[in-house]
Amino acid sequence: MSDEMNNIVLQANSLEKTYREGDMETQVFSDIDFSLHAGEKVAIVGASGSGKSTLLHLLAGLDEPTKGTVTLNGKVFSAENDVKRGKLRNQYMGFVYQFHHLFSELTALENVMMPLQVRRVSRKQASKKAIDLLEKVGLKDRAQHKPSELSGGERQRVAIARALITEPSCILADEPTGNLDFKSADQVFELLLKLNQELGTALLIVTHDRNLAAQMDRQVTLIDGHLTIS
C-alpha cells in the first residue's frame, strides 16, 4: 500500500445500529470496525436487507449510530450535531445515491454548482468549476438541460459531478448503478473508477453486483451483522 493510501480518510470503530419501536428492538449490526484509505476503492457487498445502505448512511453522517464512532479526516464525525456533520460532509465527502436526487427545477449546471454555493463560493467561480466537471463526465453540452431532459445515465453522471465539485477526500455511493440499464450502469461505473484513478478520491460503493465489486481494491461483506473481508 502506498504512503497516500496509508492515510485513513474514513473510519468506524465498534459501530452498532439498533432500531427500537415500543418494546421491539432490532439490531442491524454490531461491533463494526472499518477503515477507508486515501485513494482506495472499496465495495460493501451482502444480501438484500443485510444493512449495507444503513451502514453507508452511518458512515456518511446521514444517520446516527446507536453505539460507536465514525471519524472523517481525523474528526469524530458521529459526535457532531446535524449542522456540523453537514459542514464536514460538504468539506470532505461526496455522496451518490441510487436515485440521483437532483433538483428538478435546476439545470445540470446549477445542480453541480450547489455544494459550492452552500459554501458561499461566488456564482462565477462555482459555474466555471461545474462546467469543467461536466466536461470531465462528458456532459458539457447538456449543462443547461434540466433532469427531466436527461437520460438516467446522464442524471447519474450529473450527480457524480456534483459529488466531486468540492474536491472531497472520499465519495460514498449507494447502489449508484442499481437504477440504470446495463449499458448506462457500465458507463457510470467506469466513470467512477476513472475519476478515482485520475483524482485520487477514495471511493466506497455499496453494490449487489459482484462483477463490479471485483474491480475494486477490496471487498467487505456484511453478513449476520458483521463485516468480513472477502
Protein backbone atom coordinates (compact mmCIF):
# COMPACT_ATOMS: atom_id res chain seq x y z
CA MET A 1 0.00 0.00 0.00
CA SER A 2 1.34 3.45 -0.98
CA ASP A 3 2.02 6.24 1.53
CA GLU A 4 -1.08 8.02 0.21
CA MET A 5 -3.27 5.00 0.90
CA ASN A 6 -1.86 4.65 4.43
CA ASN A 7 -3.75 7.85 5.27
CA ILE A 8 -7.15 6.95 6.74
CA VAL A 9 -9.93 9.16 5.38
CA LEU A 10 -12.94 7.48 6.97
CA GLN A 11 -13.01 5.14 9.97
CA ALA A 12 -15.65 3.34 12.01
CA ASN A 13 -14.93 1.92 15.46
CA SER A 14 -17.24 -0.52 17.30
CA LEU A 15 -20.21 0.73 15.29
CA GLU A 16 -23.67 -0.54 16.24
CA LYS A 17 -27.12 0.24 14.90
CA THR A 18 -30.29 -0.85 16.68
CA TYR A 19 -33.83 0.22 15.87
CA ARG A 20 -36.39 0.42 18.65
CA GLU A 21 -40.14 0.58 18.30
CA GLY A 22 -42.03 0.28 21.55
CA ASP A 23 -40.78 -2.88 23.25
CA MET A 24 -39.40 -4.23 19.98
CA GLU A 25 -35.66 -4.00 19.34
CA THR A 26 -33.95 -4.91 16.06
CA GLN A 27 -30.18 -4.94 15.83
CA VAL A 28 -28.94 -4.36 12.27
CA PHE A 29 -25.27 -4.85 13.11
CA SER A 30 -22.81 -4.51 15.97
CA ASP A 31 -19.10 -4.07 16.64
CA ILE A 32 -18.29 -2.89 13.10
CA ASP A 33 -14.72 -1.72 12.50
CA PHE A 34 -13.82 -0.29 9.10
CA SER A 35 -11.22 2.00 7.51
CA LEU A 36 -11.12 3.68 4.10
CA HIS A 37 -7.72 4.95 2.99
CA ALA A 38 -6.88 7.87 0.71
CA GLY A 39 -7.11 6.90 -2.96
CA GLU A 40 -8.58 3.47 -2.16
CA LYS A 41 -11.69 1.95 -3.75
CA VAL A 42 -13.76 -0.48 -1.69
CA ALA A 43 -17.06 -2.31 -2.22
CA ILE A 44 -19.51 -3.23 0.53
CA VAL A 45 -21.49 -6.29 -0.56
CA GLY A 46 -24.07 -8.51 1.08
CA ALA A 47 -27.54 -9.93 0.75
CA SER A 48 -30.57 -7.71 0.33
CA GLY A 49 -31.66 -6.48 3.76
CA SER A 50 -28.28 -7.10 5.38
CA GLY A 51 -27.88 -3.42 6.30
CA LYS A 52 -25.43 -2.25 3.60
CA SER A 53 -27.21 1.04 2.93
CA THR A 54 -27.73 1.63 6.66
CA LEU A 55 -24.00 1.22 7.22
CA LEU A 56 -23.18 3.60 4.37
CA HIS A 57 -25.60 6.20 5.75
CA LEU A 58 -23.95 5.97 9.16
CA LEU A 59 -20.51 6.39 7.60
CA ALA A 60 -21.84 9.41 5.70
CA GLY A 61 -23.31 11.00 8.80
CA LEU A 62 -26.83 10.77 7.34
CA ASP A 63 -27.89 8.65 10.33
CA GLU A 64 -26.58 8.29 13.88
CA PRO A 65 -25.11 5.07 15.32
CA THR A 66 -26.58 3.55 18.45
CA LYS A 67 -23.02 2.99 19.67
CA GLY A 68 -19.51 3.54 18.36
CA THR A 69 -17.86 6.35 16.41
CA VAL A 70 -17.27 7.46 12.83
CA THR A 71 -14.18 9.57 12.15
CA LEU A 72 -13.85 11.67 8.97
CA ASN A 73 -10.39 13.08 8.22
CA GLY A 74 -9.43 12.79 11.87
CA LYS A 75 -12.60 14.44 13.20
CA VAL A 76 -15.12 12.45 15.25
CA PHE A 77 -17.91 12.96 12.74
CA SER A 78 -20.60 10.97 14.57
CA ALA A 79 -20.33 13.08 17.74
CA GLU A 80 -21.37 16.29 15.97
CA ASN A 81 -24.88 17.66 15.54
CA ASP A 82 -26.66 17.67 12.17
CA VAL A 83 -25.39 21.11 11.19
CA LYS A 84 -21.74 20.36 11.93
CA ARG A 85 -21.97 16.96 10.25
CA GLY A 86 -23.40 18.71 7.20
CA LYS A 87 -20.48 21.13 7.11
CA LEU A 88 -17.92 18.34 7.45
CA ARG A 89 -19.67 16.32 4.75
CA ASN A 90 -19.65 19.36 2.45
CA GLN A 91 -15.94 19.84 3.13
CA TYR A 92 -14.64 16.27 2.87
CA MET A 93 -17.24 13.97 1.34
CA GLY A 94 -19.36 13.45 -1.75
CA PHE A 95 -22.40 11.17 -1.79
CA VAL A 96 -24.07 9.50 -4.76
CA TYR A 97 -27.48 7.87 -4.31
CA GLN A 98 -29.11 5.10 -6.32
CA PHE A 99 -31.68 7.69 -7.37
CA HIS A 100 -29.80 10.80 -8.41
CA HIS A 101 -31.70 13.26 -6.12
CA LEU A 102 -31.14 16.19 -8.46
CA PHE A 103 -33.28 19.31 -8.07
CA SER A 104 -35.83 19.07 -10.86
CA GLU A 105 -36.22 22.83 -11.27
CA LEU A 106 -32.47 23.42 -11.70
CA THR A 107 -30.30 22.81 -14.75
CA ALA A 108 -27.48 20.27 -14.72
CA LEU A 109 -25.03 23.14 -14.26
CA GLU A 110 -26.96 24.60 -11.32
CA ASN A 111 -27.25 21.19 -9.65
CA VAL A 112 -23.49 20.65 -9.87
CA MET A 113 -22.80 24.16 -8.56
CA MET A 114 -25.00 23.72 -5.49
CA PRO A 115 -22.41 22.38 -2.96
CA LEU A 116 -20.08 25.30 -3.71
CA GLN A 117 -22.91 27.80 -3.38
CA VAL A 118 -23.64 26.32 0.06
CA ARG A 119 -20.05 27.31 0.85
CA ARG A 120 -20.85 30.82 -0.46
CA VAL A 121 -18.37 30.50 -3.34
CA SER A 122 -19.15 33.13 -5.97
CA ARG A 123 -21.52 32.09 -8.75
CA LYS A 124 -18.84 32.82 -11.36
CA GLN A 125 -16.27 30.54 -9.68
CA ALA A 126 -18.82 27.81 -8.97
CA SER A 127 -20.08 27.93 -12.57
CA LYS A 128 -16.58 27.64 -14.03
CA LYS A 129 -15.72 24.65 -11.87
CA ALA A 130 -19.08 23.00 -12.57
CA ILE A 131 -18.59 23.37 -16.34
CA ASP A 132 -15.12 21.80 -16.04
CA LEU A 133 -16.58 18.82 -14.16
CA LEU A 134 -19.49 18.40 -16.57
CA GLU A 135 -16.92 18.27 -19.34
CA LYS A 136 -14.98 15.62 -17.41
CA VAL A 137 -18.12 13.44 -17.14
CA GLY A 138 -18.98 14.05 -20.80
CA LEU A 139 -21.95 16.37 -20.30
CA LYS A 140 -20.70 19.87 -21.04
CA ASP A 141 -23.16 20.17 -23.92
CA ARG A 142 -26.04 19.24 -21.58
CA ALA A 143 -25.23 21.88 -18.93
CA GLN A 144 -28.41 23.90 -19.48
CA HIS A 145 -30.73 20.88 -19.53
CA LYS A 146 -32.96 20.04 -16.57
CA PRO A 147 -33.05 16.50 -15.14
CA SER A 148 -36.29 15.69 -16.97
CA GLU A 149 -34.44 16.32 -20.24
CA LEU A 150 -31.62 13.90 -19.40
CA SER A 151 -31.41 10.10 -19.54
CA GLY A 152 -30.98 8.06 -16.37
CA GLY A 153 -27.28 7.59 -17.03
CA GLU A 154 -26.82 11.30 -17.72
CA ARG A 155 -28.61 12.24 -14.50
CA GLN A 156 -26.33 9.92 -12.53
CA ARG A 157 -23.26 11.46 -14.18
CA VAL A 158 -24.51 14.91 -13.13
CA ALA A 159 -24.87 13.56 -9.57
CA ILE A 160 -21.28 12.30 -9.69
CA ALA A 161 -20.05 15.70 -10.89
CA ARG A 162 -21.96 17.32 -8.03
CA ALA A 163 -20.32 14.93 -5.54
CA LEU A 164 -16.87 15.81 -6.88
CA ILE A 165 -17.13 19.60 -7.08
CA THR A 166 -15.89 20.20 -3.53
CA GLU A 167 -12.80 18.04 -4.20
CA PRO A 168 -13.76 15.64 -1.40
CA SER A 169 -11.44 13.18 0.27
CA CYS A 170 -13.94 10.42 -0.44
CA ILE A 171 -17.08 9.59 -2.36
CA LEU A 172 -19.68 7.24 -0.91
CA ALA A 173 -22.08 5.72 -3.42
CA ASP A 174 -25.21 3.73 -2.56
CA GLU A 175 -26.01 1.33 -5.44
CA PRO A 176 -25.08 4.08 -7.95
CA THR A 177 -25.82 1.83 -10.94
CA GLY A 178 -28.79 -0.04 -9.45
CA ASN A 179 -31.44 2.03 -11.23
CA LEU A 180 -29.79 2.02 -14.67
CA ASP A 181 -29.88 -0.21 -17.72
CA PHE A 182 -26.85 -2.41 -18.32
CA LYS A 183 -25.09 -0.05 -20.77
CA SER A 184 -25.63 3.06 -18.63
CA ALA A 185 -24.61 1.20 -15.46
CA ASP A 186 -21.37 0.11 -17.08
CA GLN A 187 -20.61 3.67 -18.25
CA VAL A 188 -21.30 5.17 -14.82
CA PHE A 189 -19.17 2.58 -13.02
CA GLU A 190 -16.28 3.03 -15.46
CA LEU A 191 -16.52 6.78 -14.88
CA LEU A 192 -16.27 6.33 -11.09
CA LEU A 193 -13.19 4.12 -11.48
CA LYS A 194 -11.60 6.60 -13.90
CA LEU A 195 -12.19 9.55 -11.57
CA ASN A 196 -10.83 7.56 -8.62
CA GLN A 197 -7.65 6.95 -10.60
CA GLU A 198 -7.30 10.47 -12.00
CA LEU A 199 -8.27 12.50 -8.93
CA GLY A 200 -7.18 10.14 -6.15
CA THR A 201 -10.56 10.42 -4.44
CA ALA A 202 -11.28 7.43 -2.18
CA LEU A 203 -14.35 5.51 -3.31
CA LEU A 204 -16.70 3.42 -1.16
CA ILE A 205 -19.56 1.73 -3.01
CA VAL A 206 -22.47 -0.37 -1.81
CA THR A 207 -23.37 -2.78 -4.59
CA HIS A 208 -25.10 -6.11 -5.11
CA ASP A 209 -23.17 -6.64 -8.36
CA ARG A 210 -20.25 -8.99 -7.65
CA ASN A 211 -18.70 -8.26 -11.07
CA LEU A 212 -18.48 -4.57 -10.23
CA ALA A 213 -17.24 -5.30 -6.72
CA ALA A 214 -14.45 -7.48 -8.13
CA GLN A 215 -12.95 -4.42 -9.84
CA MET A 216 -12.37 -2.64 -6.54
CA ASP A 217 -9.18 -2.80 -4.46
CA ARG A 218 -11.01 -4.88 -1.87
CA GLN A 219 -14.46 -6.08 -0.87
CA VAL A 220 -16.06 -6.31 2.55
CA THR A 221 -19.19 -8.38 3.11
CA LEU A 222 -21.91 -7.53 5.61
CA ILE A 223 -23.36 -10.81 6.88
CA ASP A 224 -25.22 -11.58 10.10
CA GLY A 225 -24.47 -8.10 11.39
CA HIS A 226 -20.71 -8.30 10.95
CA LEU A 227 -18.21 -7.20 8.30
CA THR A 228 -15.89 -9.79 6.79
CA ILE A 229 -13.16 -9.32 4.19
CA SER A 230 -13.91 -11.27 1.02
